Amino acid sequence: MISIKSQKEIELITKSCKILASVKKIVRDAVRPGVSLKDLDSIAYNETIKLGAKPAFLGYQGFSGTICASVNEELIHGIPSERILKDGDLLSLDMGVVYEGYYSDSAFTMSVGNSTKENDWLIEVAQTAFLKGLNAIKPGATIGDISYEIGKYINEQKLFTPKEFSGHGIGKYLHEEPYVFNEGRKGTGPILKDGMVICIEPMILQGSNKIKILKDGWTVVAKSNKKSSHYEHTILIKNGKGIVLT
């Protein structure tokens, strides 16, 4: 069942998102060659606690990190390890916080040190696909309209998105209805209504939409072994428009 948030709930989610935005900036600023994924995880944990929130992912279904840190061909759900980042790596960071029982969730992909044309392209496609989905939000639009615009753009770039994972509603729980897939048909699914809070998160693969999950049970990797990207924000629907909260 899709939950329409009350004004009080929207205020708490908005505060959660503001905290997350601050944590994201601190973690992003710490990314450079020579830093380990564990280092970034510790920074995220400490900043989240300092700002009066709790990590959303830590302990979720047994996940052992504060952030998901996925490098190069790893698409999502990478467990922070002692891996040292290198110049030219493509790093996807996904993180969330809980503030007074309300969740926020956001992700971005960035180059470590000096970038490459491939990195820049994948980052840009993920961000533009997100904007295509965001701009599909208007009075009378459906979840399928968001999915269609994202998928159409990814396909135009001759890139792919996995069928197994999607965006989602968020609020009292990290994952709520509705599920927001990155491919779909116009006019299908629930109608978007003011007070809904959703996460739109394009995931970009090269070569094919095929993925595999590593033996750790979490890390999702492109079967092509080519670099991938991910971009996500928590969105409030207000006055028929999508408002980015994170």
C-alpha atoms as a PDB file:
ATOM      1  CA  MET A   1       0.000   0.000   0.000  1.00  0.00           C
ATOM      2  CA  ILE A   2       1.338   3.426  -0.977  1.00  0.00           C
ATOM      3  CA  SER A   3       1.569   5.815   1.929  1.00  0.00           C
ATOM      4  CA  ILE A   4       0.696   9.508   1.566  1.00  0.00           C
ATOM      5  CA  LYS A   5       2.807  11.325   4.128  1.00  0.00           C
ATOM      6  CA  SER A   6       1.376  13.794   6.642  1.00  0.00           C
ATOM      7  CA  GLN A   7       2.889  17.247   7.036  1.00  0.00           C
ATOM      8  CA  LYS A   8       4.706  16.111  10.199  1.00  0.00           C
ATOM      9  CA  GLU A   9       6.106  13.061   8.388  1.00  0.00           C
ATOM     10  CA  ILE A  10       7.253  15.231   5.487  1.00  0.00           C
ATOM     11  CA  GLU A  11       9.059  17.516   7.942  1.00  0.00           C
ATOM     12  CA  LEU A  12      10.889  14.554   9.521  1.00  0.00           C
ATOM     13  CA  ILE A  13      11.783  13.035   6.135  1.00  0.00           C
ATOM     14  CA  THR A  14      13.013  16.433   4.946  1.00  0.00           C
ATOM     15  CA  LYS A  15      15.258  16.723   8.034  1.00  0.00           C
ATOM     16  CA  SER A  16      16.548  13.183   7.433  1.00  0.00           C
ATOM     17  CA  CYS A  17      17.354  14.147   3.844  1.00  0.00           C
ATOM     18  CA  LYS A  18      19.174  17.331   4.910  1.00  0.00           C
ATOM     19  CA  ILE A  19      21.371  15.304   7.253  1.00  0.00           C
ATOM     20  CA  LEU A  20      22.068  12.824   4.468  1.00  0.00           C
ATOM     21  CA  ALA A  21      22.995  15.623   2.048  1.00  0.00           C
ATOM     22  CA  SER A  22      25.550  16.886   4.600  1.00  0.00           C
ATOM     23  CA  VAL A  23      27.000  13.398   5.115  1.00  0.00           C
ATOM     24  CA  LYS A  24      27.242  12.860   1.337  1.00  0.00           C
ATOM     25  CA  LYS A  25      29.223  16.072   0.888  1.00  0.00           C
ATOM     26  CA  ILE A  26      31.709  15.152   3.639  1.00  0.00           C
ATOM     27  CA  VAL A  27      32.211  11.655   2.210  1.00  0.00           C
ATOM     28  CA  ARG A  28      32.513  12.939  -1.352  1.00  0.00           C
ATOM     29  CA  ASP A  29      35.167  15.432  -0.314  1.00  0.00           C
ATOM     30  CA  ALA A  30      37.197  12.585   1.253  1.00  0.00           C
ATOM     31  CA  VAL A  31      37.363  10.520  -1.967  1.00  0.00           C
ATOM     32  CA  ARG A  32      40.848  10.448  -3.489  1.00  0.00           C
ATOM     33  CA  PRO A  33      43.460   7.903  -4.589  1.00  0.00           C
ATOM     34  CA  GLY A  34      44.937   6.070  -1.596  1.00  0.00           C
ATOM     35  CA  VAL A  35      41.791   6.152   0.537  1.00  0.00           C
ATOM     36  CA  SER A  36      40.171   2.835   1.443  1.00  0.00           C
ATOM     37  CA  LEU A  37      36.456   2.061   1.212  1.00  0.00           C
ATOM     38  CA  LYS A  38      36.545   1.366   4.970  1.00  0.00           C
ATOM     39  CA  ASP A  39      37.899   4.881   5.522  1.00  0.00           C
ATOM     40  CA  LEU A  40      34.912   6.354   3.677  1.00  0.00           C
ATOM     41  CA  ASP A  41      32.539   4.105   5.619  1.00  0.00           C
ATOM     42  CA  SER A  42      33.963   5.314   8.935  1.00  0.00           C
ATOM     43  CA  ILE A  43      33.619   8.944   7.869  1.00  0.00           C
ATOM     44  CA  ALA A  44      29.982   8.380   6.897  1.00  0.00           C
ATOM     45  CA  TYR A  45      29.231   6.631  10.196  1.00  0.00           C
ATOM     46  CA  ASN A  46      30.850   9.308  12.342  1.00  0.00           C
ATOM     47  CA  GLU A  47      29.193  12.196  10.492  1.00  0.00           C
ATOM     48  CA  THR A  48      25.762  10.547  10.639  1.00  0.00           C
ATOM     49  CA  ILE A  49      25.998  10.039  14.399  1.00  0.00           C
ATOM     50  CA  LYS A  50      27.412  13.539  14.929  1.00  0.00           C
ATOM     51  CA  LEU A  51      24.390  15.040  13.136  1.00  0.00           C
ATOM     52  CA  GLY A  52      21.916  13.194  15.356  1.00  0.00           C
ATOM     53  CA  ALA A  53      20.846  10.420  12.978  1.00  0.00           C
ATOM     54  CA  LYS A  54      21.564   6.709  12.507  1.00  0.00           C
ATOM     55  CA  PRO A  55      22.916   4.899   9.440  1.00  0.00           C
ATOM     56  CA  ALA A  56      20.032   3.415   7.450  1.00  0.00           C
ATOM     57  CA  PHE A  57      21.977   0.559   5.870  1.00  0.00           C
ATOM     58  CA  LEU A  58      24.047  -0.689   8.819  1.00  0.00           C
ATOM     59  CA  GLY A  59      22.517  -3.999   9.903  1.00  0.00           C
ATOM     60  CA  TYR A  60      19.770  -3.833   7.247  1.00  0.00           C
ATOM     61  CA  GLN A  61      19.098  -7.483   6.356  1.00  0.00           C
ATOM     62  CA  GLY A  62      22.581  -8.177   7.744  1.00  0.00           C
ATOM     63  CA  PHE A  63      24.468  -5.541   5.716  1.00  0.00           C
ATOM     64  CA  SER A  64      27.733  -4.717   7.502  1.00  0.00           C
ATOM     65  CA  GLY A  65      28.449  -1.170   6.277  1.00  0.00           C
ATOM     66  CA  THR A  66      27.158   2.365   6.721  1.00  0.00           C
ATOM     67  CA  ILE A  67      27.501   2.974   2.972  1.00  0.00           C
ATOM     68  CA  CYS A  68      27.392   0.851  -0.157  1.00  0.00           C
ATOM     69  CA  ALA A  69      30.686   1.399  -1.981  1.00  0.00           C
ATOM     70  CA  SER A  70      30.856  -0.083  -5.499  1.00  0.00           C
ATOM     71  CA  VAL A  71      33.910   0.285  -7.727  1.00  0.00           C
ATOM     72  CA  ASN A  72      34.101   0.103 -11.545  1.00  0.00           C
ATOM     73  CA  GLU A  73      32.154  -2.987 -12.723  1.00  0.00           C
ATOM     74  CA  GLU A  74      30.396  -3.180  -9.327  1.00  0.00           C
ATOM     75  CA  LEU A  75      26.983  -1.577  -9.795  1.00  0.00           C
ATOM     76  CA  ILE A  76      25.392  -1.467  -6.323  1.00  0.00           C
ATOM     77  CA  HIS A  77      25.508  -2.900  -2.792  1.00  0.00           C
ATOM     78  CA  GLY A  78      29.303  -3.129  -2.520  1.00  0.00           C
ATOM     79  CA  ILE A  79      30.407  -3.861   1.056  1.00  0.00           C
ATOM     80  CA  PRO A  80      33.041  -1.369   2.284  1.00  0.00           C
ATOM     81  CA  SER A  81      36.389  -3.179   2.503  1.00  0.00           C
ATOM     82  CA  GLU A  82      40.087  -2.391   2.868  1.00  0.00           C
ATOM     83  CA  ARG A  83      40.257  -1.899  -0.916  1.00  0.00           C
ATOM     84  CA  ILE A  84      42.359   1.164  -1.734  1.00  0.00           C
ATOM     85  CA  LEU A  85      40.971   3.511  -4.380  1.00  0.00           C
ATOM     86  CA  LYS A  86      43.157   4.194  -7.407  1.00  0.00           C
ATOM     87  CA  ASP A  87      43.401   7.082  -9.818  1.00  0.00           C
ATOM     88  CA  GLY A  88      40.758   6.685 -12.539  1.00  0.00           C
ATOM     89  CA  ASP A  89      38.488   4.330 -10.581  1.00  0.00           C
ATOM     90  CA  LEU A  90      34.748   4.877 -10.989  1.00  0.00           C
ATOM     91  CA  LEU A  91      33.155   4.857  -7.526  1.00  0.00           C
ATOM     92  CA  SER A  92      29.447   4.584  -6.752  1.00  0.00           C
ATOM     93  CA  LEU A  93      28.428   5.530  -3.216  1.00  0.00           C
ATOM     94  CA  ASP A  94      24.935   4.823  -1.888  1.00  0.00           C
ATOM     95  CA  MET A  95      23.944   5.897   1.605  1.00  0.00           C
ATOM     96  CA  GLY A  96      20.973   6.617   3.818  1.00  0.00           C
ATOM     97  CA  VAL A  97      20.131   7.835   7.308  1.00  0.00           C
ATOM     98  CA  VAL A  98      17.292   7.415   9.797  1.00  0.00           C
ATOM     99  CA  TYR A  99      16.159  10.478  11.726  1.00  0.00           C
ATOM    100  CA  GLU A 100      13.482  10.020  14.409  1.00  0.00           C
ATOM    101  CA  GLY A 101      12.259   6.895  12.624  1.00  0.00           C
ATOM    102  CA  TYR A 102      12.209   8.322   9.074  1.00  0.00           C
ATOM    103  CA  TYR A 103      14.504   7.275   6.247  1.00  0.00           C
ATOM    104  CA  SER A 104      16.367   9.014   3.429  1.00  0.00           C
ATOM    105  CA  ASP A 105      18.377   7.445   0.607  1.00  0.00           C
ATOM    106  CA  SER A 106      20.696   8.825  -2.072  1.00  0.00           C
ATOM    107  CA  ALA A 107      23.514   7.679  -4.374  1.00  0.00           C
ATOM    108  CA  PHE A 108      26.017   9.128  -6.816  1.00  0.00           C
ATOM    109  CA  THR A 109      28.907   7.990  -8.984  1.00  0.00           C
ATOM    110  CA  MET A 110      32.191   9.894  -9.257  1.00  0.00           C
ATOM    111  CA  SER A 111      35.707   9.528 -10.605  1.00  0.00           C
ATOM    112  CA  VAL A 112      38.581   9.004  -8.195  1.00  0.00           C
ATOM    113  CA  GLY A 113      41.392  11.452  -8.953  1.00  0.00           C
ATOM    114  CA  ASN A 114      41.735  12.009 -12.691  1.00  0.00           C
ATOM    115  CA  SER A 115      38.664  11.080 -14.700  1.00  0.00           C
ATOM    116  CA  THR A 116      38.337   9.371 -18.081  1.00  0.00           C
ATOM    117  CA  LYS A 117      35.965   9.846 -21.009  1.00  0.00           C
ATOM    118  CA  GLU A 118      34.269   6.569 -20.114  1.00  0.00           C
ATOM    119  CA  ASN A 119      33.792   7.637 -16.494  1.00  0.00           C
ATOM    120  CA  ASP A 120      32.431  11.057 -17.476  1.00  0.00           C
ATOM    121  CA  TRP A 121      29.993   9.486 -19.940  1.00  0.00           C
ATOM    122  CA  LEU A 122      28.606   6.959 -17.457  1.00  0.00           C
ATOM    123  CA  ILE A 123      28.258   9.605 -14.736  1.00  0.00           C
ATOM    124  CA  GLU A 124      26.455  11.949 -17.123  1.00  0.00           C
ATOM    125  CA  VAL A 125      24.059   9.271 -18.404  1.00  0.00           C
ATOM    126  CA  ALA A 126      23.036   8.258 -14.874  1.00  0.00           C
ATOM    127  CA  GLN A 127      22.421  11.875 -13.854  1.00  0.00           C
ATOM    128  CA  THR A 128      20.545  12.759 -17.051  1.00  0.00           C
ATOM    129  CA  ALA A 129      18.401   9.605 -16.797  1.00  0.00           C
ATOM    130  CA  PHE A 130      17.494  10.692 -13.261  1.00  0.00           C
ATOM    131  CA  LEU A 131      16.472  14.145 -14.523  1.00  0.00           C
ATOM    132  CA  LYS A 132      14.356  12.568 -17.270  1.00  0.00           C
ATOM    133  CA  GLY A 133      12.510  10.602 -14.601  1.00  0.00           C
ATOM    134  CA  LEU A 134      12.160  13.611 -12.301  1.00  0.00           C
ATOM    135  CA  ASN A 135      10.784  15.781 -15.118  1.00  0.00           C
ATOM    136  CA  ALA A 136       8.125  13.154 -15.885  1.00  0.00           C
ATOM    137  CA  ILE A 137       6.458  14.013 -12.571  1.00  0.00           C
ATOM    138  CA  LYS A 138       3.456  16.240 -13.248  1.00  0.00           C
ATOM    139  CA  PRO A 139      -0.229  16.318 -12.302  1.00  0.00           C
ATOM    140  CA  GLY A 140      -1.922  13.101 -13.472  1.00  0.00           C
ATOM    141  CA  ALA A 141       1.361  11.303 -14.252  1.00  0.00           C
ATOM    142  CA  THR A 142       1.999   7.696 -13.241  1.00  0.00           C
ATOM    143  CA  ILE A 143       4.961   5.719 -11.955  1.00  0.00           C
ATOM    144  CA  GLY A 144       5.151   4.156 -15.429  1.00  0.00           C
ATOM    145  CA  ASP A 145       5.729   7.609 -16.928  1.00  0.00           C
ATOM    146  CA  ILE A 146       8.873   7.998 -14.799  1.00  0.00           C
ATOM    147  CA  SER A 147      10.075   4.503 -15.717  1.00  0.00           C
ATOM    148  CA  TYR A 148       9.405   5.066 -19.428  1.00  0.00           C
ATOM    149  CA  GLU A 149      11.407   8.304 -19.629  1.00  0.00           C
ATOM    150  CA  ILE A 150      14.380   6.816 -17.775  1.00  0.00           C
ATOM    151  CA  GLY A 151      14.415   3.655 -19.885  1.00  0.00           C
ATOM    152  CA  LYS A 152      13.962   5.520 -23.156  1.00  0.00           C
ATOM    153  CA  TYR A 153      16.972   7.720 -22.454  1.00  0.00           C
ATOM    154  CA  ILE A 154      19.209   4.823 -21.351  1.00  0.00           C
ATOM    155  CA  ASN A 155      18.242   2.894 -24.477  1.00  0.00           C
ATOM    156  CA  GLU A 156      19.014   5.907 -26.692  1.00  0.00           C
ATOM    157  CA  GLN A 157      22.551   5.899 -25.272  1.00  0.00           C
ATOM    158  CA  LYS A 158      22.846   2.197 -26.220  1.00  0.00           C
ATOM    159  CA  LEU A 159      23.234   1.360 -22.548  1.00  0.00           C
ATOM    160  CA  PHE A 160      21.283  -0.941 -20.248  1.00  0.00           C
ATOM    161  CA  THR A 161      19.648  -1.170 -16.831  1.00  0.00           C
ATOM    162  CA  PRO A 162      19.077  -4.308 -14.757  1.00  0.00           C
ATOM    163  CA  LYS A 163      15.543  -5.663 -14.444  1.00  0.00           C
ATOM    164  CA  GLU A 164      16.186  -7.005 -10.932  1.00  0.00           C
ATOM    165  CA  PHE A 165      16.500  -3.660  -9.099  1.00  0.00           C
ATOM    166  CA  SER A 166      14.489  -0.450  -8.939  1.00  0.00           C
ATOM    167  CA  GLY A 167      13.738   2.769  -7.141  1.00  0.00           C
ATOM    168  CA  HIS A 168      11.132   2.703  -4.388  1.00  0.00           C
ATOM    169  CA  GLY A 169       8.946   4.541  -1.940  1.00  0.00           C
ATOM    170  CA  ILE A 170      10.497   5.584   1.365  1.00  0.00           C
ATOM    171  CA  GLY A 171       9.425   6.901   4.770  1.00  0.00           C
ATOM    172  CA  LYS A 172       8.987   4.838   7.922  1.00  0.00           C
ATOM    173  CA  TYR A 173      10.794   2.075   6.041  1.00  0.00           C
ATOM    174  CA  LEU A 174      13.802   2.165   3.725  1.00  0.00           C
ATOM    175  CA  HIS A 175      11.881   0.378   0.975  1.00  0.00           C
ATOM    176  CA  GLU A 176       8.157   0.998   0.544  1.00  0.00           C
ATOM    177  CA  GLU A 177       5.673   0.870  -2.309  1.00  0.00           C
ATOM    178  CA  PRO A 178       5.586   2.008  -5.057  1.00  0.00           C
ATOM    179  CA  TYR A 179       8.559   0.442  -6.830  1.00  0.00           C
ATOM    180  CA  VAL A 180      10.013   2.732  -9.495  1.00  0.00           C
ATOM    181  CA  PHE A 181      11.652   0.656 -12.223  1.00  0.00           C
ATOM    182  CA  ASN A 182      14.086   2.123 -14.725  1.00  0.00           C
ATOM    183  CA  GLU A 183      12.090   0.815 -17.683  1.00  0.00           C
ATOM    184  CA  GLY A 184       8.340   0.833 -18.194  1.00  0.00           C
ATOM    185  CA  ARG A 185       5.293   1.891 -20.156  1.00  0.00           C
ATOM    186  CA  LYS A 186       3.618   5.283 -20.135  1.00  0.00           C
ATOM    187  CA  GLY A 187       0.337   5.525 -18.285  1.00  0.00           C
ATOM    188  CA  THR A 188       0.860   2.387 -16.211  1.00  0.00           C
ATOM    189  CA  GLY A 189       1.154   1.895 -12.470  1.00  0.00           C
ATOM    190  CA  PRO A 190      -0.077   4.095  -9.624  1.00  0.00           C
ATOM    191  CA  ILE A 191      -0.943   7.725 -10.247  1.00  0.00           C
ATOM    192  CA  LEU A 192       1.494  10.122  -8.580  1.00  0.00           C
ATOM    193  CA  LYS A 193      -0.059  12.128  -5.767  1.00  0.00           C
ATOM    194  CA  ASP A 194       1.053  14.979  -3.533  1.00  0.00           C
ATOM    195  CA  GLY A 195       2.552  13.668  -0.303  1.00  0.00           C
ATOM    196  CA  MET A 196       4.181  10.636  -1.876  1.00  0.00           C
ATOM    197  CA  VAL A 197       7.923  10.258  -1.246  1.00  0.00           C
ATOM    198  CA  ILE A 198       9.917   8.124  -3.684  1.00  0.00           C
ATOM    199  CA  CYS A 199      13.500   7.341  -4.630  1.00  0.00           C
ATOM    200  CA  ILE A 200      14.371   7.538  -8.320  1.00  0.00           C
ATOM    201  CA  GLU A 201      17.635   5.715  -9.040  1.00  0.00           C
ATOM    202  CA  PRO A 202      18.851   4.931 -12.568  1.00  0.00           C
ATOM    203  CA  MET A 203      21.468   2.161 -12.727  1.00  0.00           C
ATOM    204  CA  ILE A 204      23.601   2.067 -15.864  1.00  0.00           C
ATOM    205  CA  LEU A 205      25.275  -0.984 -17.396  1.00  0.00           C
ATOM    206  CA  GLN A 206      27.385  -1.433 -20.516  1.00  0.00           C
ATOM    207  CA  GLY A 207      27.171  -4.396 -22.890  1.00  0.00           C
ATOM    208  CA  SER A 208      23.958  -5.949 -21.568  1.00  0.00           C
ATOM    209  CA  ASN A 209      21.488  -5.766 -18.691  1.00  0.00           C
ATOM    210  CA  LYS A 210      22.909  -8.918 -17.123  1.00  0.00           C
ATOM    211  CA  ILE A 211      24.254  -8.819 -13.576  1.00  0.00           C
ATOM    212  CA  LYS A 212      25.686 -11.277 -11.080  1.00  0.00           C
ATOM    213  CA  ILE A 213      25.887 -11.222  -7.293  1.00  0.00           C
ATOM    214  CA  LEU A 214      29.243 -11.984  -5.714  1.00  0.00           C
ATOM    215  CA  LYS A 215      29.811 -14.660  -3.068  1.00  0.00           C
ATOM    216  CA  ASP A 216      29.435 -12.040  -0.329  1.00  0.00           C
ATOM    217  CA  GLY A 217      25.701 -12.158  -1.107  1.00  0.00           C
ATOM    218  CA  TRP A 218      25.496  -8.396  -1.675  1.00  0.00           C
ATOM    219  CA  THR A 219      27.780  -6.917  -4.336  1.00  0.00           C
ATOM    220  CA  VAL A 220      25.996  -6.635  -7.704  1.00  0.00           C
ATOM    221  CA  VAL A 221      28.443  -6.717 -10.626  1.00  0.00           C
ATOM    222  CA  ALA A 222      28.006  -6.159 -14.367  1.00  0.00           C
ATOM    223  CA  LYS A 223      28.308  -9.506 -16.131  1.00  0.00           C
ATOM    224  CA  SER A 224      30.120  -7.657 -18.916  1.00  0.00           C
ATOM    225  CA  ASN A 225      32.782  -6.666 -16.330  1.00  0.00           C
ATOM    226  CA  LYS A 226      32.556  -3.137 -17.734  1.00  0.00           C
ATOM    227  CA  LYS A 227      32.209  -0.031 -15.604  1.00  0.00           C
ATOM    228  CA  SER A 228      28.751   0.955 -14.369  1.00  0.00           C
ATOM    229  CA  SER A 229      27.086   3.943 -12.688  1.00  0.00           C
ATOM    230  CA  HIS A 230      24.234   4.796 -10.316  1.00  0.00           C
ATOM    231  CA  TYR A 231      22.443   7.995  -9.288  1.00  0.00           C
ATOM    232  CA  GLU A 232      19.633   8.457  -6.752  1.00  0.00           C
ATOM    233  CA  HIS A 233      17.711  11.081  -4.798  1.00  0.00           C
ATOM    234  CA  THR A 234      14.796  11.030  -2.388  1.00  0.00           C
ATOM    235  CA  ILE A 235      11.919  12.978  -3.973  1.00  0.00           C
ATOM    236  CA  LEU A 236       8.812  14.587  -2.442  1.00  0.00           C
ATOM    237  CA  ILE A 237       5.815  15.060  -4.714  1.00  0.00           C
ATOM    238  CA  LYS A 238       4.338  18.489  -3.987  1.00  0.00           C
ATOM    239  CA  ASN A 239       1.955  20.568  -6.083  1.00  0.00           C
ATOM    240  CA  GLY A 240       2.250  17.980  -8.849  1.00  0.00           C
ATOM    241  CA  LYS A 241       6.053  18.324  -9.093  1.00  0.00           C
ATOM    242  CA  GLY A 242       9.050  16.347  -7.852  1.00  0.00           C
ATOM    243  CA  ILE A 243      11.102  18.121  -5.197  1.00  0.00           C
ATOM    244  CA  VAL A 244      14.634  16.772  -4.606  1.00  0.00           C
ATOM    245  CA  LEU A 245      15.185  16.473  -0.842  1.00  0.00           C
ATOM    246  CA  THR A 246      18.682  14.977  -0.744  1.00  0.00           C
END
